[in-house]
């Protein structure tokens, strides 16, 4: 193997390690999981409860629940808060959803 090929090979490996390190760091700090939570919760509301026209507002880590708290506003400007987890791949909505479902069904099932 020539010196040029070895240098290119080592540069590719170094670049791969740097990119992997950055991605792991973003994942552990919660930046990527917050985006996963935002996308999955927004998709869930748009598919299952389209008439509410839920708009994402904010997300934060809540160590008390060991989940994220995610906030939305409906078309009537009412703020809703839900838990979403688990920590590193948050795709499951939890607390807050039953109350929202009840109000949604009362309002739109007529």
PDB file of N, CA and C in Angstrom:
ATOM      1  N   UNK A   1       0.856  -1.172   0.000  1.00  0.00           N
ATOM      2  CA  UNK A   1       0.000   0.000   0.000  1.00  0.00           C
ATOM      3  C   UNK A   1       0.908   1.242   0.000  1.00  0.00           C
ATOM      4  N   UNK A   2       0.513   2.232  -0.763  1.00  0.00           N
ATOM      5  CA  UNK A   2       1.330   3.434  -0.846  1.00  0.00           C
ATOM      6  C   UNK A   2       1.092   4.347   0.353  1.00  0.00           C
ATOM      7  N   UNK A   3       2.013   5.279   0.554  1.00  0.00           N
ATOM      8  CA  UNK A   3       1.886   6.224   1.672  1.00  0.00           C
ATOM      9  C   UNK A   3       0.610   7.051   1.547  1.00  0.00           C
ATOM     10  N   UNK A   4       0.264   7.441   0.330  1.00  0.00           N
ATOM     11  CA  UNK A   4      -0.933   8.268   0.107  1.00  0.00           C
ATOM     12  C   UNK A   4      -2.198   7.526   0.544  1.00  0.00           C
ATOM     13  N   UNK A   5      -2.293   6.250   0.212  1.00  0.00           N
ATOM     14  CA  UNK A   5      -3.458   5.450   0.596  1.00  0.00           C
ATOM     15  C   UNK A   5      -3.528   5.271   2.110  1.00  0.00           C
ATOM     16  N   UNK A   6      -2.385   5.088   2.740  1.00  0.00           N
ATOM     17  CA  UNK A   6      -2.351   4.937   4.200  1.00  0.00           C
ATOM     18  C   UNK A   6      -2.800   6.223   4.883  1.00  0.00           C
ATOM     19  N   UNK A   7      -2.333   7.367   4.403  1.00  0.00           N
ATOM     20  CA  UNK A   7      -2.717   8.657   4.980  1.00  0.00           C
ATOM     21  C   UNK A   7      -4.218   8.893   4.805  1.00  0.00           C
ATOM     22  N   UNK A   8      -4.733   8.592   3.623  1.00  0.00           N
ATOM     23  CA  UNK A   8      -6.182   8.756   3.377  1.00  0.00           C
ATOM     24  C   UNK A   8      -6.979   7.832   4.287  1.00  0.00           C
ATOM     25  N   UNK A   9      -6.543   6.593   4.414  1.00  0.00           N
ATOM     26  CA  UNK A   9      -7.216   5.629   5.281  1.00  0.00           C
ATOM     27  C   UNK A   9      -7.234   6.103   6.736  1.00  0.00           C
ATOM     28  N   UNK A  10      -6.108   6.587   7.225  1.00  0.00           N
ATOM     29  CA  UNK A  10      -6.029   7.080   8.608  1.00  0.00           C
ATOM     30  C   UNK A  10      -6.874   8.342   8.795  1.00  0.00           C
ATOM     31  N   UNK A  11      -6.919   9.199   7.797  1.00  0.00           N
ATOM     32  CA  UNK A  11      -7.744  10.410   7.873  1.00  0.00           C
ATOM     33  C   UNK A  11      -9.225  10.049   7.944  1.00  0.00           C
ATOM     34  N   UNK A  12      -9.623   9.061   7.172  1.00  0.00           N
ATOM     35  CA  UNK A  12     -11.027   8.613   7.196  1.00  0.00           C
ATOM     36  C   UNK A  12     -11.381   8.029   8.559  1.00  0.00           C
ATOM     37  N   UNK A  13     -10.494   7.235   9.115  1.00  0.00           N
ATOM     38  CA  UNK A  13     -10.723   6.661  10.449  1.00  0.00           C
ATOM     39  C   UNK A  13     -10.812   7.766  11.499  1.00  0.00           C
ATOM     40  N   UNK A  14      -9.913   8.741  11.438  1.00  0.00           N
ATOM     41  CA  UNK A  14      -9.933   9.852  12.397  1.00  0.00           C
ATOM     42  C   UNK A  14     -11.223  10.649  12.273  1.00  0.00           C
ATOM     43  N   UNK A  15     -11.656  10.917  11.049  1.00  0.00           N
ATOM     44  CA  UNK A  15     -12.913  11.650  10.826  1.00  0.00           C
ATOM     45  C   UNK A  15     -14.099  10.866  11.375  1.00  0.00           C
ATOM     46  N   UNK A  16     -14.106   9.562  11.139  1.00  0.00           N
ATOM     47  CA  UNK A  16     -15.172   8.706  11.650  1.00  0.00           C
ATOM     48  C   UNK A  16     -15.235   8.759  13.174  1.00  0.00           C
ATOM     49  N   UNK A  17     -14.094   8.695  13.830  1.00  0.00           N
ATOM     50  CA  UNK A  17     -14.033   8.736  15.297  1.00  0.00           C
ATOM     51  C   UNK A  17     -14.528  10.087  15.818  1.00  0.00           C
ATOM     52  N   UNK A  18     -14.137  11.167  15.151  1.00  0.00           N
ATOM     53  CA  UNK A  18     -14.582  12.504  15.576  1.00  0.00           C
ATOM     54  C   UNK A  18     -16.095  12.641  15.441  1.00  0.00           C
ATOM     55  N   UNK A  19     -16.646  12.222  14.303  1.00  0.00           N
ATOM     56  CA  UNK A  19     -18.095  12.311  14.086  1.00  0.00           C
ATOM     57  C   UNK A  19     -18.838  11.447  15.101  1.00  0.00           C
ATOM     58  N   UNK A  20     -18.363  10.257  15.326  1.00  0.00           N
ATOM     59  CA  UNK A  20     -18.997   9.364  16.302  1.00  0.00           C
ATOM     60  C   UNK A  20     -18.963   9.955  17.703  1.00  0.00           C
ATOM     61  N   UNK A  21     -17.851  10.554  18.093  1.00  0.00           N
ATOM     62  CA  UNK A  21     -17.721  11.177  19.406  1.00  0.00           C
ATOM     63  C   UNK A  21     -18.697  12.336  19.557  1.00  0.00           C
ATOM     64  N   UNK A  22     -18.826  13.155  18.532  1.00  0.00           N
ATOM     65  CA  UNK A  22     -19.757  14.288  18.576  1.00  0.00           C
ATOM     66  C   UNK A  22     -21.189  13.783  18.701  1.00  0.00           C
ATOM     67  N   UNK A  23     -21.556  12.781  17.919  1.00  0.00           N
ATOM     68  CA  UNK A  23     -22.922  12.247  17.989  1.00  0.00           C
ATOM     69  C   UNK A  23     -23.231  11.645  19.354  1.00  0.00           C
ATOM     70  N   UNK A  24     -22.310  10.905  19.911  1.00  0.00           N
ATOM     71  CA  UNK A  24     -22.520  10.318  21.245  1.00  0.00           C
ATOM     72  C   UNK A  24     -22.668  11.426  22.276  1.00  0.00           C
ATOM     73  N   UNK A  25     -21.856  12.448  22.168  1.00  0.00           N
ATOM     74  CA  UNK A  25     -21.931  13.576  23.095  1.00  0.00           C
ATOM     75  C   UNK A  25     -23.288  14.272  22.994  1.00  0.00           C
ATOM     76  N   UNK A  26     -23.767  14.506  21.783  1.00  0.00           N
ATOM     77  CA  UNK A  26     -25.077  15.137  21.596  1.00  0.00           C
ATOM     78  C   UNK A  26     -26.201  14.252  22.131  1.00  0.00           C
ATOM     79  N   UNK A  27     -26.048  12.951  21.985  1.00  0.00           N
ATOM     80  CA  UNK A  27     -27.074  12.028  22.461  1.00  0.00           C
ATOM     81  C   UNK A  27     -27.115  12.015  23.989  1.00  0.00           C
ATOM     82  N   UNK A  28     -25.959  11.900  24.616  1.00  0.00           N
ATOM     83  CA  UNK A  28     -25.898  11.817  26.078  1.00  0.00           C
ATOM     84  C   UNK A  28     -26.346  13.126  26.722  1.00  0.00           C
ATOM     85  N   UNK A  29     -26.031  14.261  26.130  1.00  0.00           N
ATOM     86  CA  UNK A  29     -26.456  15.547  26.680  1.00  0.00           C
ATOM     87  C   UNK A  29     -27.938  15.808  26.474  1.00  0.00           C
ATOM     88  N   UNK A  30     -28.604  14.989  25.668  1.00  0.00           N
ATOM     89  CA  UNK A  30     -30.045  15.104  25.509  1.00  0.00           C
ATOM     90  C   UNK A  30     -30.498  15.921  24.321  1.00  0.00           C
ATOM     91  N   UNK A  31     -29.585  16.426  23.519  1.00  0.00           N
ATOM     92  CA  UNK A  31     -29.984  17.260  22.390  1.00  0.00           C
ATOM     93  C   UNK A  31     -30.709  16.430  21.337  1.00  0.00           C
ATOM     94  N   UNK A  32     -30.148  15.299  20.970  1.00  0.00           N
ATOM     95  CA  UNK A  32     -30.802  14.434  19.980  1.00  0.00           C
ATOM     96  C   UNK A  32     -32.085  13.823  20.539  1.00  0.00           C
ATOM     97  N   UNK A  33     -32.105  13.291  21.778  1.00  0.00           N
ATOM     98  CA  UNK A  33     -33.357  12.764  22.305  1.00  0.00           C
ATOM     99  C   UNK A  33     -34.484  13.799  22.372  1.00  0.00           C
ATOM    100  N   UNK A  34     -34.150  15.058  22.655  1.00  0.00           N
ATOM    101  CA  UNK A  34     -35.195  16.089  22.676  1.00  0.00           C
ATOM    102  C   UNK A  34     -35.814  16.276  21.296  1.00  0.00           C
ATOM    103  N   UNK A  35     -34.998  16.186  20.267  1.00  0.00           N
ATOM    104  CA  UNK A  35     -35.523  16.316  18.914  1.00  0.00           C
ATOM    105  C   UNK A  35     -36.366  15.099  18.533  1.00  0.00           C
ATOM    106  N   UNK A  36     -35.943  13.920  18.979  1.00  0.00           N
ATOM    107  CA  UNK A  36     -36.735  12.711  18.749  1.00  0.00           C
ATOM    108  C   UNK A  36     -38.082  12.846  19.440  1.00  0.00           C
ATOM    109  N   UNK A  37     -38.089  13.326  20.685  1.00  0.00           N
ATOM    110  CA  UNK A  37     -39.340  13.511  21.435  1.00  0.00           C
ATOM    111  C   UNK A  37     -40.246  14.503  20.727  1.00  0.00           C
ATOM    112  N   UNK A  38     -39.684  15.607  20.284  1.00  0.00           N
ATOM    113  CA  UNK A  38     -40.477  16.633  19.594  1.00  0.00           C
ATOM    114  C   UNK A  38     -41.113  16.062  18.323  1.00  0.00           C
ATOM    115  N   UNK A  39     -40.329  15.380  17.515  1.00  0.00           N
ATOM    116  CA  UNK A  39     -40.842  14.824  16.262  1.00  0.00           C
ATOM    117  C   UNK A  39     -41.894  13.746  16.500  1.00  0.00           C
ATOM    118  N   UNK A  40     -41.634  12.843  17.433  1.00  0.00           N
ATOM    119  CA  UNK A  40     -42.574  11.746  17.656  1.00  0.00           C
ATOM    120  C   UNK A  40     -43.875  12.233  18.277  1.00  0.00           C
ATOM    121  N   UNK A  41     -43.806  13.169  19.224  1.00  0.00           N
ATOM    122  CA  UNK A  41     -45.033  13.685  19.843  1.00  0.00           C
ATOM    123  C   UNK A  41     -45.837  14.520  18.847  1.00  0.00           C
ATOM    124  N   UNK A  42     -45.167  15.336  18.056  1.00  0.00           N
ATOM    125  CA  UNK A  42     -45.865  16.142  17.053  1.00  0.00           C
ATOM    126  C   UNK A  42     -46.556  15.242  16.040  1.00  0.00           C
ATOM    127  N   UNK A  43     -45.881  14.218  15.571  1.00  0.00           N
ATOM    128  CA  UNK A  43     -46.484  13.273  14.629  1.00  0.00           C
ATOM    129  C   UNK A  43     -47.681  12.564  15.261  1.00  0.00           C
ATOM    130  N   UNK A  44     -47.540  12.163  16.513  1.00  0.00           N
ATOM    131  CA  UNK A  44     -48.619  11.472  17.217  1.00  0.00           C
ATOM    132  C   UNK A  44     -49.880  12.344  17.271  1.00  0.00           C
ATOM    133  N   UNK A  45     -49.719  13.608  17.667  1.00  0.00           N
ATOM    134  CA  UNK A  45     -50.882  14.487  17.763  1.00  0.00           C
ATOM    135  C   UNK A  45     -51.468  14.821  16.391  1.00  0.00           C
ATOM    136  N   UNK A  46     -50.621  15.007  15.399  1.00  0.00           N
ATOM    137  CA  UNK A  46     -51.126  15.317  14.066  1.00  0.00           C
ATOM    138  C   UNK A  46     -51.905  14.154  13.463  1.00  0.00           C
ATOM    139  N   UNK A  47     -51.498  12.933  13.771  1.00  0.00           N
ATOM    140  CA  UNK A  47     -52.188  11.759  13.233  1.00  0.00           C
ATOM    141  C   UNK A  47     -53.427  11.407  14.043  1.00  0.00           C
ATOM    142  N   UNK A  48     -53.285  11.345  15.363  1.00  0.00           N
ATOM    143  CA  UNK A  48     -54.372  10.850  16.209  1.00  0.00           C
ATOM    144  C   UNK A  48     -55.394  11.929  16.603  1.00  0.00           C
ATOM    145  N   UNK A  49     -54.956  13.177  16.737  1.00  0.00           N
ATOM    146  CA  UNK A  49     -55.841  14.256  17.179  1.00  0.00           C
ATOM    147  C   UNK A  49     -55.705  15.481  16.267  1.00  0.00           C
ATOM    148  N   UNK A  50     -56.015  15.333  15.002  1.00  0.00           N
ATOM    149  CA  UNK A  50     -55.763  16.439  14.064  1.00  0.00           C
ATOM    150  C   UNK A  50     -56.613  17.680  14.320  1.00  0.00           C
ATOM    151  N   UNK A  51     -57.806  17.515  14.854  1.00  0.00           N
ATOM    152  CA  UNK A  51     -58.695  18.665  15.054  1.00  0.00           C
ATOM    153  C   UNK A  51     -58.202  19.612  16.136  1.00  0.00           C
ATOM    154  N   UNK A  52     -57.347  19.138  17.029  1.00  0.00           N
ATOM    155  CA  UNK A  52     -56.827  19.993  18.104  1.00  0.00           C
ATOM    156  C   UNK A  52     -55.751  20.947  17.584  1.00  0.00           C
ATOM    157  N   UNK A  53     -55.140  20.612  16.458  1.00  0.00           N
ATOM    158  CA  UNK A  53     -54.082  21.432  15.858  1.00  0.00           C
ATOM    159  C   UNK A  53     -52.997  21.794  16.883  1.00  0.00           C
ATOM    160  N   UNK A  54     -52.435  20.766  17.492  1.00  0.00           N
ATOM    161  CA  UNK A  54     -51.427  20.953  18.528  1.00  0.00           C
ATOM    162  C   UNK A  54     -50.136  21.515  17.935  1.00  0.00           C
ATOM    163  N   UNK A  55     -49.587  22.522  18.600  1.00  0.00           N
ATOM    164  CA  UNK A  55     -48.331  23.151  18.186  1.00  0.00           C
ATOM    165  C   UNK A  55     -47.314  22.984  19.308  1.00  0.00           C
ATOM    166  N   UNK A  56     -46.134  22.492  18.950  1.00  0.00           N
ATOM    167  CA  UNK A  56     -45.056  22.311  19.920  1.00  0.00           C
ATOM    168  C   UNK A  56     -44.671  23.653  20.527  1.00  0.00           C
ATOM    169  N   UNK A  57     -44.405  23.622  21.846  1.00  0.00           N
ATOM    170  CA  UNK A  57     -44.009  24.840  22.543  1.00  0.00           C
ATOM    171  C   UNK A  57     -42.636  24.717  23.213  1.00  0.00           C
ATOM    172  N   UNK A  58     -42.436  23.654  24.015  1.00  0.00           N
ATOM    173  CA  UNK A  58     -41.186  23.549  24.773  1.00  0.00           C
ATOM    174  C   UNK A  58     -40.985  22.111  25.228  1.00  0.00           C
ATOM    175  N   UNK A  59     -39.739  21.807  25.586  1.00  0.00           N
ATOM    176  CA  UNK A  59     -39.409  20.496  26.149  1.00  0.00           C
ATOM    177  C   UNK A  59     -38.288  20.685  27.164  1.00  0.00           C
ATOM    178  N   UNK A  60     -38.331  19.897  28.242  1.00  0.00           N
ATOM    179  CA  UNK A  60     -37.295  19.959  29.266  1.00  0.00           C
ATOM    180  C   UNK A  60     -37.185  18.608  29.951  1.00  0.00           C
ATOM    181  N   UNK A  61     -36.010  18.339  30.520  1.00  0.00           N
ATOM    182  CA  UNK A  61     -35.801  17.105  31.271  1.00  0.00           C
ATOM    183  C   UNK A  61     -36.358  17.281  32.669  1.00  0.00           C
ATOM    184  N   UNK A  62     -37.132  16.314  33.140  1.00  0.00           N
ATOM    185  CA  UNK A  62     -37.696  16.338  34.492  1.00  0.00           C
ATOM    186  C   UNK A  62     -37.176  15.130  35.249  1.00  0.00           C
ATOM    187  N   UNK A  63     -36.188  15.348  36.105  1.00  0.00           N
ATOM    188  CA  UNK A  63     -35.591  14.239  36.839  1.00  0.00           C
ATOM    189  C   UNK A  63     -36.579  13.593  37.807  1.00  0.00           C
ATOM    190  N   UNK A  64     -37.585  14.338  38.234  1.00  0.00           N
ATOM    191  CA  UNK A  64     -38.604  13.796  39.134  1.00  0.00           C
ATOM    192  C   UNK A  64     -39.347  12.633  38.476  1.00  0.00           C
ATOM    193  N   UNK A  65     -39.660  12.783  37.196  1.00  0.00           N
ATOM    194  CA  UNK A  65     -40.379  11.742  36.459  1.00  0.00           C
ATOM    195  C   UNK A  65     -39.425  10.805  35.735  1.00  0.00           C
ATOM    196  N   UNK A  66     -38.148  11.168  35.647  1.00  0.00           N
ATOM    197  CA  UNK A  66     -37.155  10.445  34.871  1.00  0.00           C
ATOM    198  C   UNK A  66     -37.597  10.352  33.403  1.00  0.00           C
ATOM    199  N   UNK A  67     -38.241  11.416  32.945  1.00  0.00           N
ATOM    200  CA  UNK A  67     -38.736  11.560  31.579  1.00  0.00           C
ATOM    201  C   UNK A  67     -38.621  13.028  31.188  1.00  0.00           C
ATOM    202  N   UNK A  68     -38.927  13.295  29.932  1.00  0.00           N
ATOM    203  CA  UNK A  68     -38.998  14.679  29.480  1.00  0.00           C
ATOM    204  C   UNK A  68     -40.405  15.201  29.680  1.00  0.00           C
ATOM    205  N   UNK A  69     -40.527  16.496  29.921  1.00  0.00           N
ATOM    206  CA  UNK A  69     -41.818  17.164  29.917  1.00  0.00           C
ATOM    207  C   UNK A  69     -41.897  17.921  28.599  1.00  0.00           C
ATOM    208  N   UNK A  70     -42.968  17.687  27.865  1.00  0.00           N
ATOM    209  CA  UNK A  70     -43.139  18.333  26.573  1.00  0.00           C
ATOM    210  C   UNK A  70     -44.452  19.103  26.600  1.00  0.00           C
ATOM    211  N   UNK A  71     -44.415  20.318  26.063  1.00  0.00           N
ATOM    212  CA  UNK A  71     -45.575  21.203  26.130  1.00  0.00           C
ATOM    213  C   UNK A  71     -46.061  21.558  24.728  1.00  0.00           C
ATOM    214  N   UNK A  72     -47.390  21.571  24.588  1.00  0.00           N
ATOM    215  CA  UNK A  72     -48.041  21.943  23.341  1.00  0.00           C
ATOM    216  C   UNK A  72     -49.147  22.944  23.631  1.00  0.00           C
ATOM    217  N   UNK A  73     -49.568  23.664  22.599  1.00  0.00           N
ATOM    218  CA  UNK A  73     -50.761  24.509  22.666  1.00  0.00           C
ATOM    219  C   UNK A  73     -51.729  24.031  21.607  1.00  0.00           C
ATOM    220  N   UNK A  74     -53.011  23.963  21.992  1.00  0.00           N
ATOM    221  CA  UNK A  74     -54.015  23.564  21.014  1.00  0.00           C
ATOM    222  C   UNK A  74     -54.540  24.804  20.286  1.00  0.00           C
ATOM    223  N   UNK A  75     -55.489  24.603  19.394  1.00  0.00           N
ATOM    224  CA  UNK A  75     -55.973  25.732  18.593  1.00  0.00           C
ATOM    225  C   UNK A  75     -56.763  26.741  19.415  1.00  0.00           C
ATOM    226  N   UNK A  76     -57.197  26.350  20.609  1.00  0.00           N
ATOM    227  CA  UNK A  76     -57.894  27.274  21.515  1.00  0.00           C
ATOM    228  C   UNK A  76     -56.908  27.971  22.458  1.00  0.00           C
ATOM    229  N   UNK A  77     -55.626  27.810  22.203  1.00  0.00           N
ATOM    230  CA  UNK A  77     -54.537  28.410  22.969  1.00  0.00           C
ATOM    231  C   UNK A  77     -54.402  27.851  24.390  1.00  0.00           C
ATOM    232  N   UNK A  78     -54.932  26.661  24.605  1.00  0.00           N
ATOM    233  CA  UNK A  78     -54.782  26.000  25.899  1.00  0.00           C
ATOM    234  C   UNK A  78     -53.460  25.242  25.903  1.00  0.00           C
ATOM    235  N   UNK A  79     -52.698  25.398  26.974  1.00  0.00           N
ATOM    236  CA  UNK A  79     -51.385  24.750  27.085  1.00  0.00           C
ATOM    237  C   UNK A  79     -51.552  23.374  27.716  1.00  0.00           C
ATOM    238  N   UNK A  80     -50.914  22.390  27.088  1.00  0.00           N
ATOM    239  CA  UNK A  80     -50.957  21.013  27.563  1.00  0.00           C
ATOM    240  C   UNK A  80     -49.533  20.537  27.826  1.00  0.00           C
ATOM    241  N   UNK A  81     -49.370  19.793  28.922  1.00  0.00           N
ATOM    242  CA  UNK A  81     -48.071  19.223  29.254  1.00  0.00           C
ATOM    243  C   UNK A  81     -48.173  17.708  29.376  1.00  0.00           C
ATOM    244  N   UNK A  82     -47.160  17.026  28.876  1.00  0.00           N
ATOM    245  CA  UNK A  82     -47.136  15.570  28.891  1.00  0.00           C
ATOM    246  C   UNK A  82     -45.732  15.100  29.247  1.00  0.00           C
ATOM    247  N   UNK A  83     -45.650  13.890  29.790  1.00  0.00           N
ATOM    248  CA  UNK A  83     -44.338  13.269  29.941  1.00  0.00           C
ATOM    249  C   UNK A  83     -44.097  12.432  28.699  1.00  0.00           C
ATOM    250  N   UNK A  84     -42.832  12.314  28.322  1.00  0.00           N
ATOM    251  CA  UNK A  84     -42.464  11.461  27.195  1.00  0.00           C
ATOM    252  C   UNK A  84     -41.116  10.827  27.511  1.00  0.00           C
ATOM    253  N   UNK A  85     -41.009   9.563  27.297  1.00  0.00           N
ATOM    254  CA  UNK A  85     -39.777   8.848  27.611  1.00  0.00           C
ATOM    255  C   UNK A  85     -39.649   7.628  26.732  1.00  0.00           C
ATOM    256  N   UNK A  86     -38.661   6.815  26.962  1.00  0.00           N
ATOM    257  CA  UNK A  86     -37.601   6.878  27.955  1.00  0.00           C
ATOM    258  C   UNK A  86     -36.531   7.913  27.607  1.00  0.00           C
ATOM    259  N   UNK A  87     -35.548   8.018  28.451  1.00  0.00           N
ATOM    260  CA  UNK A  87     -34.589   9.119  28.386  1.00  0.00           C
ATOM    261  C   UNK A  87     -33.831   9.234  27.060  1.00  0.00           C
ATOM    262  N   UNK A  88     -33.312   8.138  26.542  1.00  0.00           N
ATOM    263  CA  UNK A  88     -32.446   8.234  25.365  1.00  0.00           C
ATOM    264  C   UNK A  88     -33.155   7.973  24.043  1.00  0.00           C
ATOM    265  N   UNK A  89     -34.392   7.515  24.074  1.00  0.00           N
ATOM    266  CA  UNK A  89     -35.177   7.353  22.843  1.00  0.00           C
ATOM    267  C   UNK A  89     -36.651   7.617  23.168  1.00  0.00           C
ATOM    268  N   UNK A  90     -36.988   8.887  23.446  1.00  0.00           N
ATOM    269  CA  UNK A  90     -38.326   9.235  23.938  1.00  0.00           C
ATOM    270  C   UNK A  90     -39.403   9.233  22.846  1.00  0.00           C
ATOM    271  N   UNK A  91     -40.167   8.166  22.804  1.00  0.00           N
ATOM    272  CA  UNK A  91     -41.236   8.044  21.820  1.00  0.00           C
ATOM    273  C   UNK A  91     -42.576   7.665  22.452  1.00  0.00           C
ATOM    274  N   UNK A  92     -42.619   7.535  23.767  1.00  0.00           N
ATOM    275  CA  UNK A  92     -43.825   7.077  24.450  1.00  0.00           C
ATOM    276  C   UNK A  92     -44.392   8.180  25.343  1.00  0.00           C
ATOM    277  N   UNK A  93     -45.557   8.703  24.955  1.00  0.00           N
ATOM    278  CA  UNK A  93     -46.223   9.724  25.769  1.00  0.00           C
ATOM    279  C   UNK A  93     -46.840   9.076  26.987  1.00  0.00           C
ATOM    280  N   UNK A  94     -46.823   9.798  28.106  1.00  0.00           N
ATOM    281  CA  UNK A  94     -47.341   9.252  29.351  1.00  0.00           C
ATOM    282  C   UNK A  94     -48.319  10.188  30.020  1.00  0.00           C
ATOM    283  N   UNK A  95     -47.987  10.623  31.229  1.00  0.00           N
ATOM    284  CA  UNK A  95     -48.890  11.435  32.036  1.00  0.00           C
ATOM    285  C   UNK A  95     -49.355  12.668  31.269  1.00  0.00           C
ATOM    286  N   UNK A  96     -50.638  12.961  31.437  1.00  0.00           N
ATOM    287  CA  UNK A  96     -51.231  14.115  30.787  1.00  0.00           C
ATOM    288  C   UNK A  96     -52.060  13.736  29.581  1.00  0.00           C
ATOM    289  N   UNK A  97     -51.801  12.561  29.031  1.00  0.00           N
ATOM    290  CA  UNK A  97     -52.479  12.162  27.804  1.00  0.00           C
ATOM    291  C   UNK A  97     -53.945  11.807  28.030  1.00  0.00           C
ATOM    292  N   UNK A  98     -54.269  11.167  29.143  1.00  0.00           N
ATOM    293  CA  UNK A  98     -55.655  10.751  29.385  1.00  0.00           C
ATOM    294  C   UNK A  98     -56.582  11.954  29.528  1.00  0.00           C
ATOM    295  N   UNK A  99     -56.147  12.977  30.255  1.00  0.00           N
ATOM    296  CA  UNK A  99     -56.958  14.189  30.393  1.00  0.00           C
ATOM    297  C   UNK A  99     -57.173  14.873  29.061  1.00  0.00           C
ATOM    298  N   UNK A 100     -56.140  14.906  28.250  1.00  0.00           N
ATOM    299  CA  UNK A 100     -56.259  15.502  26.924  1.00  0.00           C
ATOM    300  C   UNK A 100     -57.236  14.700  26.064  1.00  0.00           C
ATOM    301  N   UNK A 101     -57.117  13.368  26.090  1.00  0.00           N
ATOM    302  CA  UNK A 101     -58.016  12.509  25.310  1.00  0.00           C
ATOM    303  C   UNK A 101     -59.473  12.724  25.694  1.00  0.00           C
ATOM    304  N   UNK A 102     -59.741  12.816  27.007  1.00  0.00           N
ATOM    305  CA  UNK A 102     -61.114  13.033  27.468  1.00  0.00           C
ATOM    306  C   UNK A 102     -61.676  14.339  26.932  1.00  0.00           C
ATOM    307  N   UNK A 103     -60.905  15.408  27.062  1.00  0.00           N
ATOM    308  CA  UNK A 103     -61.374  16.711  26.593  1.00  0.00           C
ATOM    309  C   UNK A 103     -61.533  16.727  25.075  1.00  0.00           C
ATOM    310  N   UNK A 104     -60.615  16.099  24.369  1.00  0.00           N
ATOM    311  CA  UNK A 104     -60.679  16.037  22.909  1.00  0.00           C
ATOM    312  C   UNK A 104     -61.939  15.297  22.471  1.00  0.00           C
ATOM    313  N   UNK A 105     -62.213  14.148  23.105  1.00  0.00           N
ATOM    314  CA  UNK A 105     -63.391  13.361  22.740  1.00  0.00           C
ATOM    315  C   UNK A 105     -64.695  14.110  23.037  1.00  0.00           C
ATOM    316  N   UNK A 106     -64.742  14.814  24.167  1.00  0.00           N
ATOM    317  CA  UNK A 106     -65.938  15.596  24.491  1.00  0.00           C
ATOM    318  C   UNK A 106     -66.162  16.709  23.465  1.00  0.00           C
ATOM    319  N   UNK A 107     -65.094  17.340  23.056  1.00  0.00           N
ATOM    320  CA  UNK A 107     -65.172  18.494  22.175  1.00  0.00           C
ATOM    321  C   UNK A 107     -65.461  18.129  20.726  1.00  0.00           C
ATOM    322  N   UNK A 108     -64.872  17.034  20.232  1.00  0.00           N
ATOM    323  CA  UNK A 108     -64.915  16.743  18.796  1.00  0.00           C
ATOM    324  C   UNK A 108     -65.698  15.509  18.409  1.00  0.00           C
ATOM    325  N   UNK A 109     -66.256  14.760  19.359  1.00  0.00           N
ATOM    326  CA  UNK A 109     -66.996  13.554  18.985  1.00  0.00           C
ATOM    327  C   UNK A 109     -68.476  13.823  18.729  1.00  0.00           C
ATOM    328  N   UNK A 110     -68.865  15.063  18.797  1.00  0.00           N
ATOM    329  CA  UNK A 110     -70.283  15.407  18.594  1.00  0.00           C
ATOM    330  C   UNK A 110     -70.617  15.479  17.129  1.00  0.00           C
TER     331      UNK A 110
END
